Amino acid sequence: MQMLLERTDGEIKKKIEKQINIACYGEIGENNIAYELKNSGMDMYILHDIYLEINGLSAQIDYIVITR
């Protein structure tokens, strides 16, 4: 996205900047969750970044936490 940002201007550039900001905030949030889960002291299984696809539909799940 950064390469595209350098090549564009105007409204498209604003849209790309917005998408970059959203992605950055998402990454920060995922890192915060990972830190809290690792330091919770609870026994658990953590599944991270799960991608599911069926009949042409897809979903991505950041975390699945399994505890007692």
PDB file of N, CA and C in Angstrom:
ATOM      1  N   MET A   1       0.823  -1.183   0.000  1.00  0.00           N
ATOM      2  CA  MET A   1       0.000   0.000   0.000  1.00  0.00           C
ATOM      3  C   MET A   1       0.874   1.258   0.000  1.00  0.00           C
ATOM      4  N   GLN A   2       2.029   1.162   0.668  1.00  0.00           N
ATOM      5  CA  GLN A   2       2.921   2.316   0.700  1.00  0.00           C
ATOM      6  C   GLN A   2       3.402   2.685  -0.697  1.00  0.00           C
ATOM      7  N   MET A   3       3.685   1.677  -1.527  1.00  0.00           N
ATOM      8  CA  MET A   3       4.127   1.952  -2.895  1.00  0.00           C
ATOM      9  C   MET A   3       3.027   2.652  -3.687  1.00  0.00           C
ATOM     10  N   LEU A   4       1.794   2.203  -3.510  1.00  0.00           N
ATOM     11  CA  LEU A   4       0.666   2.857  -4.182  1.00  0.00           C
ATOM     12  C   LEU A   4       0.499   4.293  -3.698  1.00  0.00           C
ATOM     13  N   LEU A   5       0.687   4.491  -2.411  1.00  0.00           N
ATOM     14  CA  LEU A   5       0.534   5.817  -1.830  1.00  0.00           C
ATOM     15  C   LEU A   5       1.485   6.821  -2.470  1.00  0.00           C
ATOM     16  N   GLU A   6       2.703   6.389  -2.729  1.00  0.00           N
ATOM     17  CA  GLU A   6       3.707   7.270  -3.322  1.00  0.00           C
ATOM     18  C   GLU A   6       3.387   7.634  -4.773  1.00  0.00           C
ATOM     19  N   ARG A   7       2.598   6.806  -5.440  1.00  0.00           N
ATOM     20  CA  ARG A   7       2.295   7.022  -6.859  1.00  0.00           C
ATOM     21  C   ARG A   7       0.986   7.755  -7.108  1.00  0.00           C
ATOM     22  N   THR A   8       0.230   8.034  -6.066  1.00  0.00           N
ATOM     23  CA  THR A   8      -1.096   8.626  -6.260  1.00  0.00           C
ATOM     24  C   THR A   8      -1.193  10.004  -5.620  1.00  0.00           C
ATOM     25  N   ASP A   9      -2.303  10.646  -5.890  1.00  0.00           N
ATOM     26  CA  ASP A   9      -2.587  11.925  -5.244  1.00  0.00           C
ATOM     27  C   ASP A   9      -4.097  12.106  -5.171  1.00  0.00           C
ATOM     28  N   GLY A  10      -4.514  13.173  -4.554  1.00  0.00           N
ATOM     29  CA  GLY A  10      -5.931  13.494  -4.485  1.00  0.00           C
ATOM     30  C   GLY A  10      -6.732  12.549  -3.622  1.00  0.00           C
ATOM     31  N   GLU A  11      -7.946  12.277  -4.078  1.00  0.00           N
ATOM     32  CA  GLU A  11      -8.901  11.460  -3.313  1.00  0.00           C
ATOM     33  C   GLU A  11      -8.415  10.025  -3.127  1.00  0.00           C
ATOM     34  N   ILE A  12      -7.796   9.461  -4.137  1.00  0.00           N
ATOM     35  CA  ILE A  12      -7.292   8.087  -4.032  1.00  0.00           C
ATOM     36  C   ILE A  12      -6.214   8.005  -2.960  1.00  0.00           C
ATOM     37  N   LYS A  13      -5.341   9.004  -2.912  1.00  0.00           N
ATOM     38  CA  LYS A  13      -4.296   9.028  -1.893  1.00  0.00           C
ATOM     39  C   LYS A  13      -4.910   9.059  -0.493  1.00  0.00           C
ATOM     40  N   LYS A  14      -5.973   9.847  -0.307  1.00  0.00           N
ATOM     41  CA  LYS A  14      -6.645   9.914   0.992  1.00  0.00           C
ATOM     42  C   LYS A  14      -7.238   8.565   1.385  1.00  0.00           C
ATOM     43  N   LYS A  15      -7.821   7.862   0.408  1.00  0.00           N
ATOM     44  CA  LYS A  15      -8.405   6.547   0.683  1.00  0.00           C
ATOM     45  C   LYS A  15      -7.323   5.537   1.071  1.00  0.00           C
ATOM     46  N   ILE A  16      -6.195   5.582   0.376  1.00  0.00           N
ATOM     47  CA  ILE A  16      -5.090   4.664   0.689  1.00  0.00           C
ATOM     48  C   ILE A  16      -4.532   4.980   2.074  1.00  0.00           C
ATOM     49  N   GLU A  17      -4.371   6.253   2.401  1.00  0.00           N
ATOM     50  CA  GLU A  17      -3.891   6.637   3.732  1.00  0.00           C
ATOM     51  C   GLU A  17      -4.830   6.127   4.820  1.00  0.00           C
ATOM     52  N   LYS A  18      -6.134   6.226   4.554  1.00  0.00           N
ATOM     53  CA  LYS A  18      -7.115   5.736   5.521  1.00  0.00           C
ATOM     54  C   LYS A  18      -6.972   4.227   5.724  1.00  0.00           C
ATOM     55  N   GLN A  19      -6.804   3.475   4.646  1.00  0.00           N
ATOM     56  CA  GLN A  19      -6.641   2.026   4.743  1.00  0.00           C
ATOM     57  C   GLN A  19      -5.357   1.654   5.475  1.00  0.00           C
ATOM     58  N   ILE A  20      -4.295   2.397   5.238  1.00  0.00           N
ATOM     59  CA  ILE A  20      -3.031   2.151   5.942  1.00  0.00           C
ATOM     60  C   ILE A  20      -3.217   2.387   7.436  1.00  0.00           C
ATOM     61  N   ASN A  21      -3.898   3.474   7.811  1.00  0.00           N
ATOM     62  CA  ASN A  21      -4.150   3.759   9.220  1.00  0.00           C
ATOM     63  C   ASN A  21      -4.991   2.671   9.873  1.00  0.00           C
ATOM     64  N   ILE A  22      -6.015   2.210   9.186  1.00  0.00           N
ATOM     65  CA  ILE A  22      -6.863   1.137   9.722  1.00  0.00           C
ATOM     66  C   ILE A  22      -6.031  -0.118   9.951  1.00  0.00           C
ATOM     67  N   ALA A  23      -5.183  -0.468   8.986  1.00  0.00           N
ATOM     68  CA  ALA A  23      -4.336  -1.656   9.120  1.00  0.00           C
ATOM     69  C   ALA A  23      -3.364  -1.512  10.291  1.00  0.00           C
ATOM     70  N   CYS A  24      -2.798  -0.330  10.462  1.00  0.00           N
ATOM     71  CA  CYS A  24      -1.859  -0.092  11.572  1.00  0.00           C
ATOM     72  C   CYS A  24      -2.556  -0.231  12.920  1.00  0.00           C
ATOM     73  N   TYR A  25      -3.746   0.361  13.051  1.00  0.00           N
ATOM     74  CA  TYR A  25      -4.491   0.240  14.304  1.00  0.00           C
ATOM     75  C   TYR A  25      -4.874  -1.216  14.570  1.00  0.00           C
ATOM     76  N   GLY A  26      -5.229  -1.941  13.526  1.00  0.00           N
ATOM     77  CA  GLY A  26      -5.557  -3.358  13.685  1.00  0.00           C
ATOM     78  C   GLY A  26      -4.367  -4.160  14.173  1.00  0.00           C
ATOM     79  N   GLU A  27      -3.197  -3.875  13.632  1.00  0.00           N
ATOM     80  CA  GLU A  27      -1.987  -4.588  14.050  1.00  0.00           C
ATOM     81  C   GLU A  27      -1.633  -4.264  15.501  1.00  0.00           C
ATOM     82  N   ILE A  28      -1.774  -3.006  15.881  1.00  0.00           N
ATOM     83  CA  ILE A  28      -1.517  -2.610  17.272  1.00  0.00           C
ATOM     84  C   ILE A  28      -2.476  -3.348  18.212  1.00  0.00           C
ATOM     85  N   GLY A  29      -3.741  -3.405  17.834  1.00  0.00           N
ATOM     86  CA  GLY A  29      -4.739  -4.110  18.648  1.00  0.00           C
ATOM     87  C   GLY A  29      -4.430  -5.576  18.796  1.00  0.00           C
ATOM     88  N   GLU A  30      -4.041  -6.235  17.707  1.00  0.00           N
ATOM     89  CA  GLU A  30      -3.689  -7.654  17.769  1.00  0.00           C
ATOM     90  C   GLU A  30      -2.475  -7.875  18.655  1.00  0.00           C
ATOM     91  N   ASN A  31      -1.482  -7.000  18.563  1.00  0.00           N
ATOM     92  CA  ASN A  31      -0.301  -7.120  19.420  1.00  0.00           C
ATOM     93  C   ASN A  31      -0.661  -6.948  20.888  1.00  0.00           C
ATOM     94  N   ASN A  32      -1.566  -6.029  21.190  1.00  0.00           N
ATOM     95  CA  ASN A  32      -2.005  -5.838  22.575  1.00  0.00           C
ATOM     96  C   ASN A  32      -2.720  -7.080  23.106  1.00  0.00           C
ATOM     97  N   ILE A  33      -3.583  -7.654  22.294  1.00  0.00           N
ATOM     98  CA  ILE A  33      -4.293  -8.876  22.699  1.00  0.00           C
ATOM     99  C   ILE A  33      -3.306 -10.010  22.930  1.00  0.00           C
ATOM    100  N   ALA A  34      -2.341 -10.186  22.022  1.00  0.00           N
ATOM    101  CA  ALA A  34      -1.337 -11.245  22.165  1.00  0.00           C
ATOM    102  C   ALA A  34      -0.572 -11.072  23.476  1.00  0.00           C
ATOM    103  N   TYR A  35      -0.181  -9.856  23.784  1.00  0.00           N
ATOM    104  CA  TYR A  35       0.558  -9.593  25.025  1.00  0.00           C
ATOM    105  C   TYR A  35      -0.291  -9.962  26.241  1.00  0.00           C
ATOM    106  N   GLU A  36      -1.546  -9.523  26.259  1.00  0.00           N
ATOM    107  CA  GLU A  36      -2.423  -9.807  27.399  1.00  0.00           C
ATOM    108  C   GLU A  36      -2.674 -11.302  27.558  1.00  0.00           C
ATOM    109  N   LEU A  37      -2.864 -12.014  26.460  1.00  0.00           N
ATOM    110  CA  LEU A  37      -3.097 -13.455  26.544  1.00  0.00           C
ATOM    111  C   LEU A  37      -1.858 -14.175  27.062  1.00  0.00           C
ATOM    112  N   LYS A  38      -0.693 -13.798  26.550  1.00  0.00           N
ATOM    113  CA  LYS A  38       0.547 -14.452  26.984  1.00  0.00           C
ATOM    114  C   LYS A  38       0.842 -14.196  28.454  1.00  0.00           C
ATOM    115  N   ASN A  39       0.431 -13.056  28.964  1.00  0.00           N
ATOM    116  CA  ASN A  39       0.744 -12.685  30.340  1.00  0.00           C
ATOM    117  C   ASN A  39      -0.436 -12.832  31.297  1.00  0.00           C
ATOM    118  N   SER A  40      -1.457 -13.553  30.897  1.00  0.00           N
ATOM    119  CA  SER A  40      -2.649 -13.685  31.738  1.00  0.00           C
ATOM    120  C   SER A  40      -2.457 -14.686  32.871  1.00  0.00           C
ATOM    121  N   GLY A  41      -1.533 -15.615  32.719  1.00  0.00           N
ATOM    122  CA  GLY A  41      -1.334 -16.634  33.740  1.00  0.00           C
ATOM    123  C   GLY A  41      -2.375 -17.733  33.707  1.00  0.00           C
ATOM    124  N   MET A  42      -3.242 -17.724  32.720  1.00  0.00           N
ATOM    125  CA  MET A  42      -4.284 -18.750  32.601  1.00  0.00           C
ATOM    126  C   MET A  42      -3.815 -19.876  31.683  1.00  0.00           C
ATOM    127  N   ASP A  43      -4.266 -21.089  32.000  1.00  0.00           N
ATOM    128  CA  ASP A  43      -4.031 -22.215  31.098  1.00  0.00           C
ATOM    129  C   ASP A  43      -5.019 -22.105  29.945  1.00  0.00           C
ATOM    130  N   MET A  44      -4.491 -22.075  28.723  1.00  0.00           N
ATOM    131  CA  MET A  44      -5.375 -21.929  27.570  1.00  0.00           C
ATOM    132  C   MET A  44      -4.657 -22.348  26.296  1.00  0.00           C
ATOM    133  N   TYR A  45      -5.435 -22.650  25.311  1.00  0.00           N
ATOM    134  CA  TYR A  45      -4.934 -22.834  23.957  1.00  0.00           C
ATOM    135  C   TYR A  45      -5.339 -21.596  23.168  1.00  0.00           C
ATOM    136  N   ILE A  46      -4.418 -21.108  22.354  1.00  0.00           N
ATOM    137  CA  ILE A  46      -4.691 -19.921  21.553  1.00  0.00           C
ATOM    138  C   ILE A  46      -4.486 -20.264  20.085  1.00  0.00           C
ATOM    139  N   LEU A  47      -5.522 -20.096  19.313  1.00  0.00           N
ATOM    140  CA  LEU A  47      -5.429 -20.251  17.861  1.00  0.00           C
ATOM    141  C   LEU A  47      -5.438 -18.849  17.278  1.00  0.00           C
ATOM    142  N   HIS A  48      -4.473 -18.566  16.438  1.00  0.00           N
ATOM    143  CA  HIS A  48      -4.317 -17.204  15.924  1.00  0.00           C
ATOM    144  C   HIS A  48      -4.376 -17.186  14.405  1.00  0.00           C
ATOM    145  N   ASP A  49      -5.065 -16.206  13.869  1.00  0.00           N
ATOM    146  CA  ASP A  49      -5.137 -15.945  12.434  1.00  0.00           C
ATOM    147  C   ASP A  49      -5.683 -17.139  11.660  1.00  0.00           C
ATOM    148  N   ILE A  50      -6.888 -17.518  11.993  1.00  0.00           N
ATOM    149  CA  ILE A  50      -7.567 -18.655  11.363  1.00  0.00           C
ATOM    150  C   ILE A  50      -8.326 -18.165  10.132  1.00  0.00           C
ATOM    151  N   TYR A  51      -8.147 -18.864   9.025  1.00  0.00           N
ATOM    152  CA  TYR A  51      -8.834 -18.517   7.782  1.00  0.00           C
ATOM    153  C   TYR A  51      -9.745 -19.681   7.401  1.00  0.00           C
ATOM    154  N   LEU A  52     -11.020 -19.395   7.222  1.00  0.00           N
ATOM    155  CA  LEU A  52     -12.000 -20.411   6.846  1.00  0.00           C
ATOM    156  C   LEU A  52     -12.619 -20.053   5.500  1.00  0.00           C
ATOM    157  N   GLU A  53     -12.852 -21.079   4.692  1.00  0.00           N
ATOM    158  CA  GLU A  53     -13.502 -20.855   3.408  1.00  0.00           C
ATOM    159  C   GLU A  53     -14.415 -22.029   3.107  1.00  0.00           C
ATOM    160  N   ILE A  54     -15.641 -21.716   2.682  1.00  0.00           N
ATOM    161  CA  ILE A  54     -16.597 -22.748   2.293  1.00  0.00           C
ATOM    162  C   ILE A  54     -17.549 -22.161   1.251  1.00  0.00           C
ATOM    163  N   ASN A  55     -17.747 -22.893   0.202  1.00  0.00           N
ATOM    164  CA  ASN A  55     -18.669 -22.496  -0.869  1.00  0.00           C
ATOM    165  C   ASN A  55     -18.428 -21.069  -1.370  1.00  0.00           C
ATOM    166  N   GLY A  56     -17.176 -20.703  -1.506  1.00  0.00           N
ATOM    167  CA  GLY A  56     -16.839 -19.392  -2.031  1.00  0.00           C
ATOM    168  C   GLY A  56     -16.917 -18.245  -1.023  1.00  0.00           C
ATOM    169  N   LEU A  57     -17.348 -18.538   0.192  1.00  0.00           N
ATOM    170  CA  LEU A  57     -17.392 -17.531   1.253  1.00  0.00           C
ATOM    171  C   LEU A  57     -16.199 -17.737   2.175  1.00  0.00           C
ATOM    172  N   SER A  58     -15.660 -16.656   2.706  1.00  0.00           N
ATOM    173  CA  SER A  58     -14.493 -16.786   3.575  1.00  0.00           C
ATOM    174  C   SER A  58     -14.625 -15.906   4.806  1.00  0.00           C
ATOM    175  N   ALA A  59     -13.864 -16.281   5.827  1.00  0.00           N
ATOM    176  CA  ALA A  59     -13.818 -15.498   7.065  1.00  0.00           C
ATOM    177  C   ALA A  59     -12.422 -15.650   7.655  1.00  0.00           C
ATOM    178  N   GLN A  60     -11.965 -14.601   8.296  1.00  0.00           N
ATOM    179  CA  GLN A  60     -10.681 -14.626   8.980  1.00  0.00           C
ATOM    180  C   GLN A  60     -10.943 -14.287  10.437  1.00  0.00           C
ATOM    181  N   ILE A  61     -10.400 -15.116  11.352  1.00  0.00           N
ATOM    182  CA  ILE A  61     -10.594 -14.926  12.778  1.00  0.00           C
ATOM    183  C   ILE A  61      -9.238 -14.644  13.403  1.00  0.00           C
ATOM    184  N   ASP A  62      -9.132 -13.539  14.126  1.00  0.00           N
ATOM    185  CA  ASP A  62      -7.839 -13.166  14.721  1.00  0.00           C
ATOM    186  C   ASP A  62      -7.430 -14.143  15.816  1.00  0.00           C
ATOM    187  N   TYR A  63      -8.296 -14.375  16.784  1.00  0.00           N
ATOM    188  CA  TYR A  63      -7.973 -15.248  17.909  1.00  0.00           C
ATOM    189  C   TYR A  63      -9.160 -16.113  18.275  1.00  0.00           C
ATOM    190  N   ILE A  64      -8.865 -17.371  18.590  1.00  0.00           N
ATOM    191  CA  ILE A  64      -9.805 -18.255  19.265  1.00  0.00           C
ATOM    192  C   ILE A  64      -9.088 -18.707  20.530  1.00  0.00           C
ATOM    193  N   VAL A  65      -9.695 -18.445  21.685  1.00  0.00           N
ATOM    194  CA  VAL A  65      -9.091 -18.803  22.958  1.00  0.00           C
ATOM    195  C   VAL A  65      -9.919 -19.923  23.574  1.00  0.00           C
ATOM    196  N   ILE A  66      -9.250 -21.027  23.916  1.00  0.00           N
ATOM    197  CA  ILE A  66      -9.926 -22.186  24.484  1.00  0.00           C
ATOM    198  C   ILE A  66      -9.411 -22.382  25.908  1.00  0.00           C
ATOM    199  N   THR A  67     -10.338 -22.328  26.851  1.00  0.00           N
ATOM    200  CA  THR A  67     -10.012 -22.552  28.260  1.00  0.00           C
ATOM    201  C   THR A  67     -10.930 -23.634  28.829  1.00  0.00           C
ATOM    202  N   ARG A  68     -10.686 -23.980  30.054  1.00  0.00           N
ATOM    203  CA  ARG A  68     -11.553 -24.964  30.710  1.00  0.00           C
ATOM    204  C   ARG A  68     -12.960 -24.459  30.724  1.00  0.00           C
TER     205      ARG A  68
END
